[in-house]
């Protein structure tokens, strides 16, 4: 008997739950409170009494008064609007202008590249001490420098000692391509007797003795030992 009563109570409980669910209007959020009418309340009270439960109708609990619903309200999106997050157009890459110093350095280094490019055309040209200005069949160190710089709008004196008085003195640790480097030789008695063009990577472009115009390492013993100073003769602009 007790088992039969338990089964009946379970059936009525499930039936009551289904009836309550059926009375909840479709489209209401699960968080909303059931706003029962008085008619629904009487019917549900009789059903709940069958299983020994009490149906309490609280008319004060309505969707419009529920703070829970208010906190979870949302604005529907019309058919003409997209519910997706709007995609921003990619930012256009604007050209970044360097500082005035960077621009001036760029100009100077471009001129240096042009000078070095011209000088490379004369690789192997024989060395001749005292070669006249403007002659390209032979060069000495200073006539070679005077020629390739002159072709790029930078006019220098004829001899290396005179050229050492032009431009801005640069510390050895800060030399850049296009700077002029000055050296003493075994015949100059500690004074300036040779000039070369710094091309970067610890190398110079110059002419000296057998082989004529060529590249050499700045670490070559006589160049390293005979180094005196460096001058920057290419203007920034």
C-alpha atoms as a PDB file:
ATOM      1  CA  UNK A   1       0.000   0.000   0.000  1.00  0.00           C
ATOM      2  CA  UNK A   2       2.755   2.412   0.868  1.00  0.00           C
ATOM      3  CA  UNK A   3       4.466   1.681  -2.436  1.00  0.00           C
ATOM      4  CA  UNK A   4       1.250   2.349  -4.376  1.00  0.00           C
ATOM      5  CA  UNK A   5       0.738   5.622  -2.555  1.00  0.00           C
ATOM      6  CA  UNK A   6       4.349   6.600  -3.308  1.00  0.00           C
ATOM      7  CA  UNK A   7       3.916   5.821  -7.008  1.00  0.00           C
ATOM      8  CA  UNK A   8       0.683   7.838  -7.172  1.00  0.00           C
ATOM      9  CA  UNK A   9       2.310  10.760  -5.420  1.00  0.00           C
ATOM     10  CA  UNK A  10       5.237  10.655  -7.859  1.00  0.00           C
ATOM     11  CA  UNK A  11       2.865  10.566 -10.855  1.00  0.00           C
ATOM     12  CA  UNK A  12       0.878  13.517  -9.558  1.00  0.00           C
ATOM     13  CA  UNK A  13       4.100  15.436  -8.795  1.00  0.00           C
ATOM     14  CA  UNK A  14       5.362  14.933 -12.359  1.00  0.00           C
ATOM     15  CA  UNK A  15       1.927  15.881 -13.728  1.00  0.00           C
ATOM     16  CA  UNK A  16       1.876  19.044 -11.636  1.00  0.00           C
ATOM     17  CA  UNK A  17       5.362  19.990 -12.852  1.00  0.00           C
ATOM     18  CA  UNK A  18       4.329  19.508 -16.487  1.00  0.00           C
ATOM     19  CA  UNK A  19       1.210  21.599 -15.970  1.00  0.00           C
ATOM     20  CA  UNK A  20       3.254  24.426 -14.439  1.00  0.00           C
ATOM     21  CA  UNK A  21       5.679  24.231 -17.349  1.00  0.00           C
ATOM     22  CA  UNK A  22       2.838  24.297 -19.842  1.00  0.00           C
ATOM     23  CA  UNK A  23       1.442  27.439 -18.317  1.00  0.00           C
ATOM     24  CA  UNK A  24       4.704  29.340 -18.700  1.00  0.00           C
ATOM     25  CA  UNK A  25       4.459  31.424 -21.883  1.00  0.00           C
ATOM     26  CA  UNK A  26       7.019  30.583 -24.544  1.00  0.00           C
ATOM     27  CA  UNK A  27       9.824  33.110 -25.040  1.00  0.00           C
ATOM     28  CA  UNK A  28      10.122  33.992 -21.320  1.00  0.00           C
ATOM     29  CA  UNK A  29      13.648  33.706 -19.954  1.00  0.00           C
ATOM     30  CA  UNK A  30      14.369  30.920 -17.510  1.00  0.00           C
ATOM     31  CA  UNK A  31      15.232  33.624 -15.001  1.00  0.00           C
ATOM     32  CA  UNK A  32      11.777  35.189 -15.202  1.00  0.00           C
ATOM     33  CA  UNK A  33       9.163  34.571 -12.447  1.00  0.00           C
ATOM     34  CA  UNK A  34       5.871  32.918 -13.424  1.00  0.00           C
ATOM     35  CA  UNK A  35       3.158  35.554 -13.445  1.00  0.00           C
ATOM     36  CA  UNK A  36       0.117  33.313 -12.774  1.00  0.00           C
ATOM     37  CA  UNK A  37      -3.430  34.491 -13.121  1.00  0.00           C
ATOM     38  CA  UNK A  38      -6.005  33.810 -10.407  1.00  0.00           C
ATOM     39  CA  UNK A  39      -7.681  31.190 -12.657  1.00  0.00           C
ATOM     40  CA  UNK A  40      -4.408  29.325 -13.109  1.00  0.00           C
ATOM     41  CA  UNK A  41      -3.795  29.578  -9.354  1.00  0.00           C
ATOM     42  CA  UNK A  42      -7.075  27.803  -8.406  1.00  0.00           C
ATOM     43  CA  UNK A  43      -6.412  24.970 -10.849  1.00  0.00           C
ATOM     44  CA  UNK A  44      -2.845  24.474  -9.715  1.00  0.00           C
ATOM     45  CA  UNK A  45      -3.871  24.543  -6.042  1.00  0.00           C
ATOM     46  CA  UNK A  46      -6.196  21.552  -6.576  1.00  0.00           C
ATOM     47  CA  UNK A  47      -3.521  19.626  -8.438  1.00  0.00           C
ATOM     48  CA  UNK A  48      -0.854  20.274  -5.799  1.00  0.00           C
ATOM     49  CA  UNK A  49      -3.232  19.217  -2.995  1.00  0.00           C
ATOM     50  CA  UNK A  50      -3.518  15.754  -4.586  1.00  0.00           C
ATOM     51  CA  UNK A  51       0.136  15.147  -3.779  1.00  0.00           C
ATOM     52  CA  UNK A  52       0.147  16.815  -0.383  1.00  0.00           C
ATOM     53  CA  UNK A  53       1.769  20.051  -1.628  1.00  0.00           C
ATOM     54  CA  UNK A  54       0.633  23.621  -1.286  1.00  0.00           C
ATOM     55  CA  UNK A  55       0.421  26.043  -4.202  1.00  0.00           C
ATOM     56  CA  UNK A  56       1.083  29.589  -3.076  1.00  0.00           C
ATOM     57  CA  UNK A  57       0.060  32.291  -5.539  1.00  0.00           C
ATOM     58  CA  UNK A  58       2.141  35.465  -5.105  1.00  0.00           C
ATOM     59  CA  UNK A  59       0.679  38.138  -7.349  1.00  0.00           C
ATOM     60  CA  UNK A  60       3.437  40.566  -6.399  1.00  0.00           C
ATOM     61  CA  UNK A  61       6.038  38.542  -8.275  1.00  0.00           C
ATOM     62  CA  UNK A  62       5.713  39.615 -11.872  1.00  0.00           C
ATOM     63  CA  UNK A  63       8.120  39.983 -14.677  1.00  0.00           C
ATOM     64  CA  UNK A  64       7.770  43.733 -14.670  1.00  0.00           C
ATOM     65  CA  UNK A  65       8.701  43.916 -10.963  1.00  0.00           C
ATOM     66  CA  UNK A  66      11.489  41.374 -11.037  1.00  0.00           C
ATOM     67  CA  UNK A  67      14.883  42.983 -10.569  1.00  0.00           C
ATOM     68  CA  UNK A  68      16.491  39.790 -11.870  1.00  0.00           C
ATOM     69  CA  UNK A  69      14.766  40.221 -15.213  1.00  0.00           C
ATOM     70  CA  UNK A  70      15.606  43.912 -15.322  1.00  0.00           C
ATOM     71  CA  UNK A  71      19.267  43.095 -14.776  1.00  0.00           C
ATOM     72  CA  UNK A  72      19.178  40.645 -17.685  1.00  0.00           C
ATOM     73  CA  UNK A  73      17.093  42.577 -20.190  1.00  0.00           C
ATOM     74  CA  UNK A  74      18.466  42.965 -23.707  1.00  0.00           C
ATOM     75  CA  UNK A  75      17.650  44.891 -26.838  1.00  0.00           C
ATOM     76  CA  UNK A  76      16.593  42.707 -29.768  1.00  0.00           C
ATOM     77  CA  UNK A  77      18.401  43.146 -33.057  1.00  0.00           C
ATOM     78  CA  UNK A  78      16.302  43.837 -36.105  1.00  0.00           C
ATOM     79  CA  UNK A  79      16.610  41.799 -39.285  1.00  0.00           C
ATOM     80  CA  UNK A  80      18.424  44.677 -40.982  1.00  0.00           C
ATOM     81  CA  UNK A  81      21.137  44.871 -38.379  1.00  0.00           C
ATOM     82  CA  UNK A  82      24.049  42.549 -37.818  1.00  0.00           C
ATOM     83  CA  UNK A  83      24.466  41.037 -34.380  1.00  0.00           C
ATOM     84  CA  UNK A  84      28.168  40.572 -34.933  1.00  0.00           C
ATOM     85  CA  UNK A  85      30.752  42.957 -33.587  1.00  0.00           C
ATOM     86  CA  UNK A  86      31.457  45.553 -36.299  1.00  0.00           C
ATOM     87  CA  UNK A  87      34.808  45.025 -37.965  1.00  0.00           C
ATOM     88  CA  UNK A  88      36.962  48.103 -37.998  1.00  0.00           C
ATOM     89  CA  UNK A  89      38.668  49.010 -41.233  1.00  0.00           C
ATOM     90  CA  UNK A  90      42.410  48.326 -41.107  1.00  0.00           C
ATOM     91  CA  UNK A  91      44.463  51.348 -40.259  1.00  0.00           C
ATOM     92  CA  UNK A  92      46.263  52.817 -43.224  1.00  0.00           C
ATOM     93  CA  UNK A  93      50.017  52.746 -42.971  1.00  0.00           C
ATOM     94  CA  UNK A  94      51.235  56.292 -42.947  1.00  0.00           C
ATOM     95  CA  UNK A  95      54.799  56.969 -44.063  1.00  0.00           C
ATOM     96  CA  UNK A  96      56.981  57.587 -41.043  1.00  0.00           C
ATOM     97  CA  UNK A  97      59.224  60.560 -41.488  1.00  0.00           C
ATOM     98  CA  UNK A  98      62.555  60.323 -39.754  1.00  0.00           C
ATOM     99  CA  UNK A  99      64.033  63.040 -37.621  1.00  0.00           C
ATOM    100  CA  UNK A 100      65.930  65.861 -39.284  1.00  0.00           C
ATOM    101  CA  UNK A 101      69.181  64.264 -38.133  1.00  0.00           C
ATOM    102  CA  UNK A 102      68.263  60.900 -39.682  1.00  0.00           C
ATOM    103  CA  UNK A 103      67.316  62.576 -42.946  1.00  0.00           C
ATOM    104  CA  UNK A 104      70.584  64.508 -43.077  1.00  0.00           C
ATOM    105  CA  UNK A 105      72.583  61.354 -42.317  1.00  0.00           C
ATOM    106  CA  UNK A 106      70.709  59.568 -45.092  1.00  0.00           C
ATOM    107  CA  UNK A 107      71.671  62.290 -47.563  1.00  0.00           C
ATOM    108  CA  UNK A 108      75.332  62.169 -46.542  1.00  0.00           C
ATOM    109  CA  UNK A 109      75.525  58.388 -46.711  1.00  0.00           C
ATOM    110  CA  UNK A 110      73.890  58.405 -50.143  1.00  0.00           C
ATOM    111  CA  UNK A 111      76.552  60.782 -51.410  1.00  0.00           C
ATOM    112  CA  UNK A 112      79.185  58.523 -49.835  1.00  0.00           C
ATOM    113  CA  UNK A 113      77.746  55.534 -51.715  1.00  0.00           C
ATOM    114  CA  UNK A 114      77.994  57.484 -54.978  1.00  0.00           C
ATOM    115  CA  UNK A 115      81.624  58.407 -54.276  1.00  0.00           C
ATOM    116  CA  UNK A 116      82.571  54.828 -53.465  1.00  0.00           C
ATOM    117  CA  UNK A 117      80.732  53.533 -56.533  1.00  0.00           C
ATOM    118  CA  UNK A 118      82.692  55.912 -58.750  1.00  0.00           C
ATOM    119  CA  UNK A 119      85.974  55.054 -57.045  1.00  0.00           C
ATOM    120  CA  UNK A 120      85.419  51.309 -57.645  1.00  0.00           C
ATOM    121  CA  UNK A 121      85.389  51.994 -61.377  1.00  0.00           C
ATOM    122  CA  UNK A 122      89.091  52.820 -61.114  1.00  0.00           C
ATOM    123  CA  UNK A 123      90.207  49.749 -59.187  1.00  0.00           C
ATOM    124  CA  UNK A 124      93.662  48.731 -60.425  1.00  0.00           C
ATOM    125  CA  UNK A 125      94.484  52.145 -61.903  1.00  0.00           C
ATOM    126  CA  UNK A 126      98.265  52.578 -61.445  1.00  0.00           C
ATOM    127  CA  UNK A 127      99.713  54.705 -58.653  1.00  0.00           C
ATOM    128  CA  UNK A 128     101.891  57.664 -59.630  1.00  0.00           C
ATOM    129  CA  UNK A 129     103.151  60.182 -57.084  1.00  0.00           C
ATOM    130  CA  UNK A 130     102.321  63.749 -58.126  1.00  0.00           C
ATOM    131  CA  UNK A 131      99.739  62.704 -60.749  1.00  0.00           C
ATOM    132  CA  UNK A 132      98.038  65.875 -62.064  1.00  0.00           C
ATOM    133  CA  UNK A 133      94.492  66.810 -61.010  1.00  0.00           C
ATOM    134  CA  UNK A 134      91.808  65.493 -63.344  1.00  0.00           C
ATOM    135  CA  UNK A 135      93.975  62.779 -64.857  1.00  0.00           C
ATOM    136  CA  UNK A 136      92.372  59.328 -64.550  1.00  0.00           C
ATOM    137  CA  UNK A 137      95.010  57.138 -66.180  1.00  0.00           C
ATOM    138  CA  UNK A 138      97.083  57.341 -62.989  1.00  0.00           C
ATOM    139  CA  UNK A 139      96.441  58.619 -59.471  1.00  0.00           C
ATOM    140  CA  UNK A 140      98.227  59.330 -56.257  1.00  0.00           C
ATOM    141  CA  UNK A 141      96.253  59.138 -53.018  1.00  0.00           C
ATOM    142  CA  UNK A 142      95.143  62.767 -52.875  1.00  0.00           C
ATOM    143  CA  UNK A 143      94.471  63.215 -56.606  1.00  0.00           C
ATOM    144  CA  UNK A 144      92.244  60.142 -56.495  1.00  0.00           C
ATOM    145  CA  UNK A 145      90.267  61.538 -53.524  1.00  0.00           C
ATOM    146  CA  UNK A 146      90.074  64.984 -55.138  1.00  0.00           C
ATOM    147  CA  UNK A 147      88.709  63.499 -58.363  1.00  0.00           C
ATOM    148  CA  UNK A 148      85.960  61.196 -57.023  1.00  0.00           C
ATOM    149  CA  UNK A 149      84.736  63.760 -54.487  1.00  0.00           C
ATOM    150  CA  UNK A 150      84.835  66.555 -57.067  1.00  0.00           C
ATOM    151  CA  UNK A 151      82.609  64.516 -59.400  1.00  0.00           C
ATOM    152  CA  UNK A 152      80.054  64.452 -56.580  1.00  0.00           C
ATOM    153  CA  UNK A 153      80.099  68.191 -55.957  1.00  0.00           C
ATOM    154  CA  UNK A 154      82.654  68.285 -53.128  1.00  0.00           C
ATOM    155  CA  UNK A 155      85.733  70.245 -54.135  1.00  0.00           C
ATOM    156  CA  UNK A 156      88.911  69.539 -52.186  1.00  0.00           C
ATOM    157  CA  UNK A 157      92.479  70.854 -52.277  1.00  0.00           C
ATOM    158  CA  UNK A 158      95.137  68.898 -54.129  1.00  0.00           C
ATOM    159  CA  UNK A 159      97.335  67.471 -51.360  1.00  0.00           C
ATOM    160  CA  UNK A 160      96.470  65.255 -48.399  1.00  0.00           C
ATOM    161  CA  UNK A 161      97.788  67.775 -45.851  1.00  0.00           C
ATOM    162  CA  UNK A 162      95.605  70.499 -47.331  1.00  0.00           C
ATOM    163  CA  UNK A 163      92.598  68.147 -47.441  1.00  0.00           C
ATOM    164  CA  UNK A 164      93.060  67.424 -43.718  1.00  0.00           C
ATOM    165  CA  UNK A 165      92.082  71.040 -42.983  1.00  0.00           C
ATOM    166  CA  UNK A 166      88.663  70.637 -44.608  1.00  0.00           C
ATOM    167  CA  UNK A 167      85.543  69.411 -42.853  1.00  0.00           C
ATOM    168  CA  UNK A 168      84.784  68.286 -39.314  1.00  0.00           C
ATOM    169  CA  UNK A 169      87.122  66.187 -37.191  1.00  0.00           C
ATOM    170  CA  UNK A 170      85.574  62.828 -36.279  1.00  0.00           C
ATOM    171  CA  UNK A 171      86.764  60.464 -33.502  1.00  0.00           C
ATOM    172  CA  UNK A 172      88.039  57.161 -34.846  1.00  0.00           C
ATOM    173  CA  UNK A 173      85.290  55.314 -32.976  1.00  0.00           C
ATOM    174  CA  UNK A 174      82.619  57.295 -34.891  1.00  0.00           C
ATOM    175  CA  UNK A 175      83.884  57.210 -38.464  1.00  0.00           C
ATOM    176  CA  UNK A 176      81.342  56.406 -41.186  1.00  0.00           C
ATOM    177  CA  UNK A 177      81.578  55.613 -44.867  1.00  0.00           C
ATOM    178  CA  UNK A 178      82.574  58.646 -46.896  1.00  0.00           C
ATOM    179  CA  UNK A 179      84.804  60.093 -44.165  1.00  0.00           C
ATOM    180  CA  UNK A 180      88.426  60.827 -45.099  1.00  0.00           C
ATOM    181  CA  UNK A 181      91.138  59.124 -43.049  1.00  0.00           C
ATOM    182  CA  UNK A 182      94.658  60.546 -42.810  1.00  0.00           C
ATOM    183  CA  UNK A 183      97.887  58.671 -42.063  1.00  0.00           C
ATOM    184  CA  UNK A 184     101.578  59.202 -41.673  1.00  0.00           C
ATOM    185  CA  UNK A 185     103.994  57.175 -43.775  1.00  0.00           C
ATOM    186  CA  UNK A 186     107.577  56.031 -43.428  1.00  0.00           C
ATOM    187  CA  UNK A 187     108.601  59.120 -45.405  1.00  0.00           C
ATOM    188  CA  UNK A 188     106.385  61.768 -43.763  1.00  0.00           C
ATOM    189  CA  UNK A 189     108.136  61.769 -40.360  1.00  0.00           C
ATOM    190  CA  UNK A 190     104.936  61.583 -38.281  1.00  0.00           C
ATOM    191  CA  UNK A 191     103.097  64.129 -40.366  1.00  0.00           C
ATOM    192  CA  UNK A 192     100.152  63.513 -42.701  1.00  0.00           C
ATOM    193  CA  UNK A 193     101.400  61.847 -45.871  1.00  0.00           C
ATOM    194  CA  UNK A 194      98.446  59.724 -47.020  1.00  0.00           C
ATOM    195  CA  UNK A 195      94.673  59.954 -47.398  1.00  0.00           C
ATOM    196  CA  UNK A 196      92.027  57.266 -47.919  1.00  0.00           C
ATOM    197  CA  UNK A 197      88.230  56.938 -48.134  1.00  0.00           C
ATOM    198  CA  UNK A 198      86.494  54.950 -45.402  1.00  0.00           C
ATOM    199  CA  UNK A 199      83.939  52.560 -46.938  1.00  0.00           C
ATOM    200  CA  UNK A 200      82.674  50.794 -43.808  1.00  0.00           C
ATOM    201  CA  UNK A 201      83.377  47.377 -42.282  1.00  0.00           C
ATOM    202  CA  UNK A 202      86.870  48.538 -41.241  1.00  0.00           C
ATOM    203  CA  UNK A 203      87.931  48.971 -44.882  1.00  0.00           C
ATOM    204  CA  UNK A 204      89.318  51.833 -46.927  1.00  0.00           C
ATOM    205  CA  UNK A 205      89.454  52.670 -50.644  1.00  0.00           C
ATOM    206  CA  UNK A 206      92.728  54.328 -51.664  1.00  0.00           C
ATOM    207  CA  UNK A 207      95.739  54.109 -53.929  1.00  0.00           C
ATOM    208  CA  UNK A 208      99.267  53.395 -52.822  1.00  0.00           C
ATOM    209  CA  UNK A 209     102.315  51.755 -54.394  1.00  0.00           C
ATOM    210  CA  UNK A 210     102.078  48.588 -56.483  1.00  0.00           C
ATOM    211  CA  UNK A 211      98.505  47.611 -57.339  1.00  0.00           C
ATOM    212  CA  UNK A 212      97.267  51.186 -57.507  1.00  0.00           C
ATOM    213  CA  UNK A 213      93.623  51.814 -56.524  1.00  0.00           C
ATOM    214  CA  UNK A 214      92.353  49.090 -54.179  1.00  0.00           C
ATOM    215  CA  UNK A 215      90.568  48.193 -50.962  1.00  0.00           C
ATOM    216  CA  UNK A 216      92.568  47.549 -47.811  1.00  0.00           C
ATOM    217  CA  UNK A 217      91.785  46.702 -44.207  1.00  0.00           C
ATOM    218  CA  UNK A 218      92.157  49.501 -41.707  1.00  0.00           C
ATOM    219  CA  UNK A 219      93.840  46.893 -39.503  1.00  0.00           C
ATOM    220  CA  UNK A 220      96.787  46.663 -41.916  1.00  0.00           C
ATOM    221  CA  UNK A 221      99.805  47.318 -39.623  1.00  0.00           C
ATOM    222  CA  UNK A 222     101.193  50.432 -41.286  1.00  0.00           C
ATOM    223  CA  UNK A 223      97.691  51.977 -41.615  1.00  0.00           C
ATOM    224  CA  UNK A 224      96.711  51.131 -38.058  1.00  0.00           C
ATOM    225  CA  UNK A 225     100.014  52.449 -36.678  1.00  0.00           C
ATOM    226  CA  UNK A 226     100.091  55.518 -38.927  1.00  0.00           C
ATOM    227  CA  UNK A 227      96.472  56.646 -38.319  1.00  0.00           C
ATOM    228  CA  UNK A 228      96.331  60.363 -37.422  1.00  0.00           C
ATOM    229  CA  UNK A 229      92.806  61.733 -37.850  1.00  0.00           C
ATOM    230  CA  UNK A 230      89.498  61.576 -39.712  1.00  0.00           C
ATOM    231  CA  UNK A 231      87.497  64.331 -41.375  1.00  0.00           C
ATOM    232  CA  UNK A 232      83.881  64.455 -42.490  1.00  0.00           C
ATOM    233  CA  UNK A 233      83.788  66.539 -45.651  1.00  0.00           C
ATOM    234  CA  UNK A 234      80.411  65.505 -47.057  1.00  0.00           C
ATOM    235  CA  UNK A 235      77.797  68.045 -45.927  1.00  0.00           C
ATOM    236  CA  UNK A 236      74.669  66.766 -44.186  1.00  0.00           C
ATOM    237  CA  UNK A 237      72.462  68.411 -46.822  1.00  0.00           C
END
